[in-house]
Amino acid sequence: MKKIVAFYGVLFFVFVSCQNTKQQVINEAVRLNEDIFSKITIHLTQDGKLKAIVSADKAIRKKIEYNGEMESEFFGHFNADFFEIATGKKDMFIQSKYCKLNEKTNYMFMKDSVYIETTRGDKIHAKDLTWNNITERFTTQDSIDIERPNERVRGVGFSGNADLSNYQIFKSAGSTQSQTIEF
């Protein structure tokens, strides 16, 4: 009987000690220099013009310890609409379940069901994808599926610019051409 009481006592202690109040979580975030957001929407501008609208279920903004730069992590449903600066027209849509963004370099890593669609109808499906703002290219070492109005390409490893006018698949798994036939 003493063993059962001791077991439940330890179990109760473990259960109680694992519970954090909302204020404790906020205090820990402040201590770690983090900002935590839920159901967030951000409007990004460049020279006063709309560049992107980003939304996510949850976001954490924090300072990177080794270089002091700020980064944001987006969880849940990450969505981003990008716009052409000159015209203000929507240019591209990106969706994933996770995204990490370096705020200084705009280097972006996305994973878990990455989907990109351009206004021209081009679509990319990938497990993970990285955007390098310096080279202005998407890359992945993983599998990729690209759908264009007249073509579908699959492979492993990818590097391409944002509008897919210049891309390379490192190991092709095949492509198909589609044609419209009129009767």
N, C-alpha and C. Protein backbone atom coordinates (compact mmCIF):
# COMPACT_ATOMS: atom_id res chain seq x y z
N MET A 1 0.82 -1.19 0.00
CA MET A 1 0.00 0.00 0.00
C MET A 1 0.86 1.26 0.00
N LYS A 2 1.96 1.23 0.77
CA LYS A 2 2.85 2.38 0.83
C LYS A 2 3.46 2.66 -0.54
N LYS A 3 3.75 1.57 -1.30
CA LYS A 3 4.34 1.75 -2.64
C LYS A 3 3.35 2.43 -3.58
N ILE A 4 2.08 2.08 -3.49
CA ILE A 4 1.06 2.68 -4.34
C ILE A 4 0.90 4.15 -4.00
N VAL A 5 0.84 4.48 -2.71
CA VAL A 5 0.72 5.88 -2.29
C VAL A 5 1.95 6.67 -2.74
N ALA A 6 3.14 6.09 -2.58
CA ALA A 6 4.38 6.75 -3.01
C ALA A 6 4.37 6.97 -4.52
N PHE A 7 3.92 5.97 -5.28
CA PHE A 7 3.86 6.08 -6.73
C PHE A 7 2.94 7.22 -7.16
N TYR A 8 1.73 7.26 -6.58
CA TYR A 8 0.80 8.32 -6.92
C TYR A 8 1.29 9.68 -6.44
N GLY A 9 2.00 9.71 -5.34
CA GLY A 9 2.58 10.96 -4.86
C GLY A 9 3.62 11.49 -5.85
N VAL A 10 4.49 10.61 -6.34
CA VAL A 10 5.50 11.01 -7.34
C VAL A 10 4.81 11.43 -8.63
N LEU A 11 3.82 10.66 -9.06
CA LEU A 11 3.08 10.98 -10.27
C LEU A 11 2.42 12.35 -10.14
N PHE A 12 1.80 12.63 -8.99
CA PHE A 12 1.16 13.93 -8.76
C PHE A 12 2.20 15.04 -8.81
N PHE A 13 3.36 14.85 -8.18
CA PHE A 13 4.42 15.85 -8.17
C PHE A 13 4.91 16.13 -9.59
N VAL A 14 5.12 15.07 -10.40
CA VAL A 14 5.58 15.25 -11.78
C VAL A 14 4.53 16.01 -12.58
N PHE A 15 3.26 15.64 -12.41
CA PHE A 15 2.19 16.30 -13.15
C PHE A 15 2.10 17.78 -12.78
N VAL A 16 2.14 18.09 -11.52
CA VAL A 16 2.02 19.48 -11.06
C VAL A 16 3.24 20.29 -11.47
N SER A 17 4.43 19.69 -11.40
CA SER A 17 5.64 20.46 -11.70
C SER A 17 5.78 20.73 -13.19
N CYS A 18 5.07 20.01 -14.06
CA CYS A 18 5.15 20.23 -15.50
C CYS A 18 4.17 21.28 -15.99
N GLN A 19 3.31 21.77 -15.15
CA GLN A 19 2.32 22.74 -15.56
C GLN A 19 2.90 24.15 -15.47
N ASN A 20 2.82 24.91 -16.58
CA ASN A 20 3.27 26.29 -16.59
C ASN A 20 2.05 27.18 -16.81
N THR A 21 1.98 28.25 -16.05
CA THR A 21 0.91 29.21 -16.26
C THR A 21 1.26 30.05 -17.49
N LYS A 22 0.26 30.74 -18.01
CA LYS A 22 0.48 31.62 -19.16
C LYS A 22 1.53 32.68 -18.81
N GLN A 23 1.48 33.22 -17.61
CA GLN A 23 2.44 34.24 -17.21
C GLN A 23 3.86 33.68 -17.14
N GLN A 24 4.01 32.41 -16.68
CA GLN A 24 5.34 31.80 -16.65
C GLN A 24 5.91 31.65 -18.05
N VAL A 25 5.07 31.28 -19.01
CA VAL A 25 5.52 31.16 -20.40
C VAL A 25 5.93 32.53 -20.94
N ILE A 26 5.15 33.56 -20.65
CA ILE A 26 5.48 34.92 -21.09
C ILE A 26 6.78 35.38 -20.45
N ASN A 27 6.94 35.14 -19.15
CA ASN A 27 8.18 35.54 -18.47
C ASN A 27 9.39 34.84 -19.08
N GLU A 28 9.26 33.57 -19.41
CA GLU A 28 10.36 32.83 -20.03
C GLU A 28 10.68 33.39 -21.41
N ALA A 29 9.67 33.75 -22.17
CA ALA A 29 9.88 34.33 -23.49
C ALA A 29 10.61 35.67 -23.38
N VAL A 30 10.23 36.49 -22.41
CA VAL A 30 10.91 37.77 -22.20
C VAL A 30 12.36 37.53 -21.81
N ARG A 31 12.60 36.55 -20.93
CA ARG A 31 13.96 36.23 -20.52
C ARG A 31 14.82 35.79 -21.71
N LEU A 32 14.22 35.04 -22.64
CA LEU A 32 14.93 34.55 -23.81
C LEU A 32 14.95 35.57 -24.95
N ASN A 33 14.39 36.75 -24.71
CA ASN A 33 14.31 37.79 -25.73
C ASN A 33 13.49 37.31 -26.92
N GLU A 34 12.35 36.71 -26.66
CA GLU A 34 11.46 36.20 -27.70
C GLU A 34 10.11 36.90 -27.62
N ASP A 35 9.49 37.06 -28.76
CA ASP A 35 8.12 37.53 -28.85
C ASP A 35 7.29 36.39 -29.42
N ILE A 36 6.17 36.09 -28.82
CA ILE A 36 5.31 34.99 -29.26
C ILE A 36 3.99 35.58 -29.73
N PHE A 37 3.55 35.17 -30.93
CA PHE A 37 2.32 35.70 -31.50
C PHE A 37 1.42 34.54 -31.93
N SER A 38 0.12 34.74 -31.85
CA SER A 38 -0.86 33.77 -32.35
C SER A 38 -1.71 34.45 -33.41
N LYS A 39 -2.08 33.67 -34.43
CA LYS A 39 -2.93 34.18 -35.51
C LYS A 39 -2.42 35.53 -36.00
N ILE A 40 -1.22 35.53 -36.55
CA ILE A 40 -0.54 36.76 -36.93
C ILE A 40 -0.65 37.03 -38.43
N THR A 41 -0.77 38.30 -38.79
CA THR A 41 -0.71 38.75 -40.18
C THR A 41 0.23 39.95 -40.22
N ILE A 42 1.19 39.90 -41.14
CA ILE A 42 2.19 40.95 -41.26
C ILE A 42 2.16 41.50 -42.69
N HIS A 43 2.16 42.82 -42.83
CA HIS A 43 2.25 43.48 -44.14
C HIS A 43 3.68 44.00 -44.28
N LEU A 44 4.42 43.47 -45.25
CA LEU A 44 5.80 43.89 -45.49
C LEU A 44 5.83 44.87 -46.65
N THR A 45 6.55 45.99 -46.44
CA THR A 45 6.62 47.00 -47.49
C THR A 45 8.07 47.25 -47.88
N GLN A 46 8.22 47.77 -49.07
CA GLN A 46 9.54 48.19 -49.56
C GLN A 46 9.35 49.55 -50.22
N ASP A 47 10.04 50.55 -49.75
CA ASP A 47 9.89 51.92 -50.24
C ASP A 47 8.43 52.39 -50.19
N GLY A 48 7.71 51.98 -49.12
CA GLY A 48 6.34 52.40 -48.93
C GLY A 48 5.31 51.62 -49.75
N LYS A 49 5.77 50.62 -50.52
CA LYS A 49 4.85 49.84 -51.35
C LYS A 49 4.77 48.42 -50.81
N LEU A 50 3.58 47.82 -50.91
CA LEU A 50 3.35 46.48 -50.40
C LEU A 50 4.20 45.46 -51.14
N LYS A 51 4.98 44.69 -50.39
CA LYS A 51 5.83 43.64 -50.95
C LYS A 51 5.25 42.26 -50.66
N ALA A 52 4.71 42.07 -49.45
CA ALA A 52 4.17 40.76 -49.10
C ALA A 52 3.19 40.88 -47.93
N ILE A 53 2.27 39.92 -47.88
CA ILE A 53 1.39 39.74 -46.72
C ILE A 53 1.65 38.33 -46.23
N VAL A 54 2.09 38.23 -44.98
CA VAL A 54 2.45 36.95 -44.37
C VAL A 54 1.49 36.67 -43.22
N SER A 55 1.01 35.43 -43.14
CA SER A 55 0.16 35.06 -42.01
C SER A 55 0.53 33.66 -41.54
N ALA A 56 0.27 33.41 -40.26
CA ALA A 56 0.56 32.10 -39.67
C ALA A 56 -0.28 31.91 -38.42
N ASP A 57 -0.44 30.65 -38.04
CA ASP A 57 -1.17 30.34 -36.81
C ASP A 57 -0.40 30.81 -35.58
N LYS A 58 0.93 30.64 -35.64
CA LYS A 58 1.78 31.01 -34.50
C LYS A 58 3.13 31.47 -35.03
N ALA A 59 3.72 32.45 -34.36
CA ALA A 59 5.04 32.93 -34.74
C ALA A 59 5.85 33.24 -33.48
N ILE A 60 7.14 32.99 -33.57
CA ILE A 60 8.07 33.34 -32.51
C ILE A 60 9.18 34.17 -33.14
N ARG A 61 9.41 35.34 -32.59
CA ARG A 61 10.47 36.22 -33.06
C ARG A 61 11.53 36.26 -31.98
N LYS A 62 12.80 35.99 -32.36
CA LYS A 62 13.86 35.94 -31.35
C LYS A 62 15.19 36.38 -31.93
N LYS A 63 16.10 36.67 -31.02
CA LYS A 63 17.45 37.07 -31.40
C LYS A 63 18.32 35.82 -31.53
N ILE A 64 19.08 35.73 -32.63
CA ILE A 64 20.00 34.62 -32.82
C ILE A 64 21.22 34.88 -31.94
N GLU A 65 21.54 33.92 -31.08
CA GLU A 65 22.58 34.13 -30.07
C GLU A 65 23.95 34.44 -30.66
N TYR A 66 24.39 33.71 -31.70
CA TYR A 66 25.77 33.84 -32.16
C TYR A 66 26.04 35.10 -32.98
N ASN A 67 25.01 35.73 -33.57
CA ASN A 67 25.29 36.93 -34.36
C ASN A 67 24.37 38.12 -34.03
N GLY A 68 23.43 37.93 -33.14
CA GLY A 68 22.57 39.03 -32.71
C GLY A 68 21.47 39.41 -33.69
N GLU A 69 21.39 38.71 -34.83
CA GLU A 69 20.34 39.02 -35.81
C GLU A 69 19.00 38.47 -35.33
N MET A 70 17.93 39.06 -35.83
CA MET A 70 16.59 38.62 -35.46
C MET A 70 16.09 37.60 -36.48
N GLU A 71 15.38 36.59 -35.97
CA GLU A 71 14.75 35.62 -36.85
C GLU A 71 13.34 35.37 -36.36
N SER A 72 12.50 34.99 -37.31
CA SER A 72 11.12 34.64 -36.99
C SER A 72 10.85 33.23 -37.44
N GLU A 73 10.12 32.49 -36.61
CA GLU A 73 9.68 31.15 -36.97
C GLU A 73 8.17 31.16 -37.00
N PHE A 74 7.62 30.58 -38.06
CA PHE A 74 6.18 30.53 -38.25
C PHE A 74 5.74 29.07 -38.21
N PHE A 75 4.69 28.79 -37.45
CA PHE A 75 4.20 27.43 -37.27
C PHE A 75 2.73 27.34 -37.69
N GLY A 76 2.30 26.14 -37.98
CA GLY A 76 0.91 25.94 -38.37
C GLY A 76 0.75 26.20 -39.85
N HIS A 77 -0.21 26.97 -40.21
CA HIS A 77 -0.44 27.31 -41.61
C HIS A 77 0.28 28.61 -41.93
N PHE A 78 1.45 28.51 -42.55
CA PHE A 78 2.20 29.69 -42.99
C PHE A 78 1.77 30.00 -44.42
N ASN A 79 1.32 31.22 -44.66
CA ASN A 79 0.92 31.68 -46.00
C ASN A 79 1.60 33.00 -46.28
N ALA A 80 2.05 33.17 -47.53
CA ALA A 80 2.65 34.44 -47.92
C ALA A 80 2.23 34.78 -49.34
N ASP A 81 1.65 35.97 -49.51
CA ASP A 81 1.35 36.51 -50.83
C ASP A 81 2.41 37.56 -51.14
N PHE A 82 3.08 37.41 -52.29
CA PHE A 82 4.10 38.37 -52.70
C PHE A 82 3.57 39.21 -53.85
N PHE A 83 3.95 40.48 -53.86
CA PHE A 83 3.45 41.42 -54.85
C PHE A 83 4.60 42.07 -55.61
N GLU A 84 4.35 42.38 -56.90
CA GLU A 84 5.33 43.13 -57.68
C GLU A 84 5.34 44.55 -57.16
N ILE A 85 6.52 45.06 -56.87
CA ILE A 85 6.63 46.42 -56.33
C ILE A 85 6.13 47.45 -57.34
N ALA A 86 6.52 47.31 -58.59
CA ALA A 86 6.17 48.31 -59.60
C ALA A 86 4.68 48.40 -59.87
N THR A 87 4.00 47.25 -59.94
CA THR A 87 2.58 47.26 -60.32
C THR A 87 1.62 47.07 -59.15
N GLY A 88 2.11 46.48 -58.06
CA GLY A 88 1.26 46.18 -56.93
C GLY A 88 0.42 44.92 -57.12
N LYS A 89 0.62 44.23 -58.24
CA LYS A 89 -0.15 43.01 -58.52
C LYS A 89 0.47 41.82 -57.80
N LYS A 90 -0.41 40.89 -57.40
CA LYS A 90 0.05 39.66 -56.76
C LYS A 90 0.92 38.88 -57.73
N ASP A 91 2.07 38.43 -57.23
CA ASP A 91 3.05 37.76 -58.08
C ASP A 91 3.17 36.27 -57.75
N MET A 92 3.07 35.93 -56.45
CA MET A 92 3.32 34.56 -56.04
C MET A 92 2.66 34.29 -54.70
N PHE A 93 2.29 33.03 -54.49
CA PHE A 93 1.70 32.58 -53.23
C PHE A 93 2.55 31.43 -52.71
N ILE A 94 2.91 31.46 -51.42
CA ILE A 94 3.68 30.39 -50.80
C ILE A 94 2.92 29.90 -49.58
N GLN A 95 2.93 28.57 -49.40
CA GLN A 95 2.27 27.96 -48.26
C GLN A 95 3.15 26.82 -47.74
N SER A 96 3.26 26.70 -46.43
CA SER A 96 3.94 25.57 -45.79
C SER A 96 3.45 25.48 -44.35
N LYS A 97 3.87 24.44 -43.67
CA LYS A 97 3.47 24.29 -42.27
C LYS A 97 4.50 24.90 -41.33
N TYR A 98 5.71 25.20 -41.85
CA TYR A 98 6.76 25.79 -41.03
C TYR A 98 7.63 26.68 -41.91
N CYS A 99 8.05 27.80 -41.35
CA CYS A 99 8.97 28.70 -42.05
C CYS A 99 9.86 29.40 -41.03
N LYS A 100 11.15 29.47 -41.36
CA LYS A 100 12.09 30.23 -40.54
C LYS A 100 12.66 31.33 -41.44
N LEU A 101 12.64 32.57 -40.94
CA LEU A 101 13.06 33.73 -41.71
C LEU A 101 14.10 34.53 -40.95
N ASN A 102 15.27 34.74 -41.56
CA ASN A 102 16.28 35.63 -41.01
C ASN A 102 15.89 37.04 -41.46
N GLU A 103 15.61 37.92 -40.52
CA GLU A 103 15.07 39.23 -40.85
C GLU A 103 16.09 40.16 -41.49
N LYS A 104 17.37 39.92 -41.29
CA LYS A 104 18.40 40.78 -41.90
C LYS A 104 18.66 40.37 -43.34
N THR A 105 18.83 39.09 -43.58
CA THR A 105 19.19 38.61 -44.91
C THR A 105 17.98 38.20 -45.75
N ASN A 106 16.81 38.06 -45.11
CA ASN A 106 15.60 37.54 -45.74
C ASN A 106 15.79 36.12 -46.27
N TYR A 107 16.75 35.41 -45.72
CA TYR A 107 16.95 33.99 -46.02
C TYR A 107 15.79 33.25 -45.39
N MET A 108 15.10 32.41 -46.16
CA MET A 108 13.88 31.77 -45.69
C MET A 108 13.97 30.26 -45.92
N PHE A 109 13.71 29.48 -44.87
CA PHE A 109 13.65 28.03 -44.96
C PHE A 109 12.24 27.57 -44.64
N MET A 110 11.65 26.82 -45.58
CA MET A 110 10.28 26.32 -45.39
C MET A 110 10.31 24.80 -45.44
N LYS A 111 9.44 24.17 -44.64
CA LYS A 111 9.35 22.71 -44.69
C LYS A 111 7.92 22.27 -44.38
N ASP A 112 7.67 21.03 -44.66
CA ASP A 112 6.37 20.40 -44.42
C ASP A 112 5.32 20.91 -45.41
N SER A 113 5.15 20.18 -46.47
CA SER A 113 4.11 20.46 -47.47
C SER A 113 4.26 21.85 -48.08
N VAL A 114 5.44 22.14 -48.62
CA VAL A 114 5.69 23.43 -49.25
C VAL A 114 4.97 23.48 -50.60
N TYR A 115 4.24 24.56 -50.82
CA TYR A 115 3.50 24.75 -52.05
C TYR A 115 3.69 26.19 -52.50
N ILE A 116 4.08 26.36 -53.77
CA ILE A 116 4.24 27.70 -54.34
C ILE A 116 3.43 27.75 -55.63
N GLU A 117 2.75 28.87 -55.84
CA GLU A 117 2.01 29.07 -57.08
C GLU A 117 2.25 30.48 -57.58
N THR A 118 2.64 30.59 -58.85
CA THR A 118 2.83 31.90 -59.46
C THR A 118 1.56 32.32 -60.19
N THR A 119 1.47 33.59 -60.54
CA THR A 119 0.29 34.07 -61.26
C THR A 119 0.22 33.52 -62.67
N ARG A 120 1.33 33.01 -63.19
CA ARG A 120 1.34 32.39 -64.53
C ARG A 120 0.83 30.96 -64.49
N GLY A 121 0.54 30.44 -63.29
CA GLY A 121 0.02 29.09 -63.19
C GLY A 121 1.07 28.04 -62.88
N ASP A 122 2.31 28.44 -62.68
CA ASP A 122 3.37 27.49 -62.30
C ASP A 122 3.19 27.11 -60.84
N LYS A 123 3.42 25.81 -60.54
CA LYS A 123 3.26 25.32 -59.17
C LYS A 123 4.46 24.47 -58.78
N ILE A 124 4.87 24.61 -57.53
CA ILE A 124 5.96 23.80 -56.98
C ILE A 124 5.44 23.10 -55.74
N HIS A 125 5.71 21.80 -55.64
CA HIS A 125 5.42 21.02 -54.44
C HIS A 125 6.75 20.45 -53.96
N ALA A 126 7.06 20.62 -52.66
CA ALA A 126 8.32 20.12 -52.12
C ALA A 126 8.17 19.82 -50.63
N LYS A 127 9.05 18.95 -50.12
CA LYS A 127 9.08 18.68 -48.68
C LYS A 127 9.68 19.87 -47.96
N ASP A 128 10.76 20.42 -48.52
CA ASP A 128 11.40 21.60 -47.96
C ASP A 128 11.93 22.46 -49.10
N LEU A 129 12.10 23.73 -48.83
CA LEU A 129 12.57 24.66 -49.84
C LEU A 129 13.21 25.85 -49.14
N THR A 130 14.30 26.33 -49.70
CA THR A 130 15.01 27.48 -49.14
C THR A 130 15.00 28.61 -50.16
N TRP A 131 14.78 29.84 -49.68
CA TRP A 131 14.88 31.03 -50.52
C TRP A 131 16.11 31.80 -50.06
N ASN A 132 17.04 32.05 -51.00
CA ASN A 132 18.23 32.84 -50.72
C ASN A 132 18.01 34.20 -51.37
N ASN A 133 17.84 35.23 -50.57
CA ASN A 133 17.52 36.55 -51.08
C ASN A 133 18.70 37.19 -51.82
N ILE A 134 19.93 36.77 -51.52
CA ILE A 134 21.11 37.32 -52.21
C ILE A 134 21.18 36.80 -53.64
N THR A 135 21.02 35.49 -53.82
CA THR A 135 21.06 34.90 -55.17
C THR A 135 19.68 34.93 -55.84
N GLU A 136 18.64 35.25 -55.06
CA GLU A 136 17.25 35.27 -55.52
C GLU A 136 16.87 33.94 -56.16
N ARG A 137 17.16 32.85 -55.43
CA ARG A 137 16.87 31.51 -55.93
C ARG A 137 16.29 30.64 -54.83
N PHE A 138 15.37 29.75 -55.23
CA PHE A 138 14.88 28.68 -54.38
C PHE A 138 15.79 27.48 -54.58
N THR A 139 16.04 26.72 -53.50
CA THR A 139 16.83 25.49 -53.62
C THR A 139 16.27 24.42 -52.68
N THR A 140 16.52 23.18 -53.04
CA THR A 140 16.26 22.04 -52.17
C THR A 140 17.15 20.89 -52.61
N GLN A 141 17.50 20.04 -51.68
CA GLN A 141 18.22 18.81 -51.99
C GLN A 141 17.25 17.63 -52.00
N ASP A 142 16.00 17.89 -51.67
CA ASP A 142 14.97 16.86 -51.54
C ASP A 142 14.17 16.76 -52.83
N SER A 143 13.09 15.98 -52.79
CA SER A 143 12.25 15.78 -53.97
C SER A 143 11.48 17.06 -54.29
N ILE A 144 11.20 17.22 -55.58
CA ILE A 144 10.50 18.41 -56.07
C ILE A 144 9.55 17.99 -57.18
N ASP A 145 8.44 18.67 -57.27
CA ASP A 145 7.45 18.43 -58.33
C ASP A 145 7.05 19.80 -58.85
N ILE A 146 7.31 20.04 -60.14
CA ILE A 146 6.98 21.33 -60.76
C ILE A 146 5.91 21.11 -61.81
N GLU A 147 4.83 21.87 -61.69
CA GLU A 147 3.76 21.83 -62.68
C GLU A 147 3.71 23.18 -63.37
N ARG A 148 3.80 23.13 -64.69
CA ARG A 148 3.67 24.33 -65.50
C ARG A 148 2.49 24.11 -66.44
N PRO A 149 1.97 25.13 -67.08
CA PRO A 149 0.79 24.94 -67.93
C PRO A 149 0.94 23.82 -68.97
N ASN A 150 2.13 23.60 -69.51
CA ASN A 150 2.31 22.57 -70.54
C ASN A 150 3.33 21.51 -70.17
N GLU A 151 3.69 21.43 -68.91
CA GLU A 151 4.77 20.52 -68.53
C GLU A 151 4.67 20.16 -67.05
N ARG A 152 5.10 18.95 -66.73
CA ARG A 152 5.22 18.52 -65.34
C ARG A 152 6.58 17.84 -65.20
N VAL A 153 7.37 18.28 -64.23
CA VAL A 153 8.72 17.77 -64.02
C VAL A 153 8.87 17.33 -62.57
N ARG A 154 9.47 16.16 -62.39
CA ARG A 154 9.74 15.65 -61.04
C ARG A 154 11.21 15.32 -60.94
N GLY A 155 11.73 15.44 -59.71
CA GLY A 155 13.13 15.10 -59.52
C GLY A 155 13.57 15.29 -58.09
N VAL A 156 14.88 15.19 -57.92
CA VAL A 156 15.50 15.38 -56.61
C VAL A 156 16.58 16.44 -56.77
N GLY A 157 16.57 17.42 -55.90
CA GLY A 157 17.51 18.53 -55.97
C GLY A 157 17.03 19.56 -56.97
N PHE A 158 17.04 20.82 -56.55
CA PHE A 158 16.46 21.87 -57.39
C PHE A 158 17.11 23.20 -57.05
N SER A 159 17.28 24.02 -58.07
CA SER A 159 17.68 25.41 -57.93
C SER A 159 16.96 26.19 -59.01
N GLY A 160 16.26 27.26 -58.62
CA GLY A 160 15.53 28.03 -59.62
C GLY A 160 15.16 29.41 -59.12
N ASN A 161 14.97 30.34 -60.08
CA ASN A 161 14.56 31.68 -59.69
C ASN A 161 13.06 31.70 -59.39
N ALA A 162 12.58 32.81 -58.89
CA ALA A 162 11.22 32.89 -58.37
C ALA A 162 10.15 32.65 -59.43
N ASP A 163 10.38 33.11 -60.66
CA ASP A 163 9.34 32.94 -61.69
C ASP A 163 9.54 31.68 -62.54
N LEU A 164 10.49 30.84 -62.16
CA LEU A 164 10.79 29.57 -62.84
C LEU A 164 11.21 29.74 -64.30
N SER A 165 11.67 30.92 -64.67
CA SER A 165 12.16 31.10 -66.04
C SER A 165 13.56 30.51 -66.20
N ASN A 166 14.23 30.23 -65.08
CA ASN A 166 15.57 29.63 -65.12
C ASN A 166 15.68 28.69 -63.92
N TYR A 167 15.60 27.38 -64.17
CA TYR A 167 15.72 26.43 -63.08
C TYR A 167 16.45 25.18 -63.53
N GLN A 168 16.93 24.44 -62.55
CA GLN A 168 17.66 23.20 -62.81
C GLN A 168 17.22 22.16 -61.79
N ILE A 169 16.95 20.94 -62.27
CA ILE A 169 16.68 19.81 -61.39
C ILE A 169 17.90 18.91 -61.49
N PHE A 170 18.49 18.56 -60.36
CA PHE A 170 19.77 17.85 -60.35
C PHE A 170 19.65 16.38 -60.74
N LYS A 171 18.57 15.74 -60.34
CA LYS A 171 18.36 14.33 -60.70
C LYS A 171 16.90 14.19 -61.13
N SER A 172 16.67 14.18 -62.43
CA SER A 172 15.32 14.14 -62.96
C SER A 172 14.69 12.77 -62.75
N ALA A 173 13.42 12.79 -62.37
CA ALA A 173 12.65 11.55 -62.24
C ALA A 173 11.64 11.45 -63.37
N GLY A 174 11.74 12.36 -64.34
CA GLY A 174 10.86 12.33 -65.49
C GLY A 174 10.08 13.61 -65.68
N SER A 175 9.63 13.78 -66.90
CA SER A 175 8.79 14.93 -67.21
C SER A 175 7.76 14.51 -68.24
N THR A 176 6.67 15.23 -68.26
CA THR A 176 5.62 14.97 -69.24
C THR A 176 5.21 16.29 -69.87
N GLN A 177 4.88 16.23 -71.12
CA GLN A 177 4.38 17.39 -71.84
C GLN A 177 2.89 17.23 -72.00
N SER A 178 2.16 18.29 -71.85
CA SER A 178 0.72 18.22 -72.08
C SER A 178 0.38 19.16 -73.23
N GLN A 179 -0.56 18.73 -74.05
CA GLN A 179 -0.97 19.53 -75.18
C GLN A 179 -2.49 19.63 -75.18
N THR A 180 -2.96 20.74 -75.67
CA THR A 180 -4.40 20.91 -75.84
C THR A 180 -4.74 20.55 -77.28
N ILE A 181 -5.67 19.64 -77.44
CA ILE A 181 -6.10 19.21 -78.77
C ILE A 181 -7.52 19.70 -78.99
N GLU A 182 -7.72 20.42 -80.07
CA GLU A 182 -9.04 20.94 -80.38
C GLU A 182 -9.67 20.09 -81.46
N PHE A 183 -10.97 19.83 -81.35
CA PHE A 183 -11.70 19.04 -82.34
C PHE A 183 -12.62 19.93 -83.14
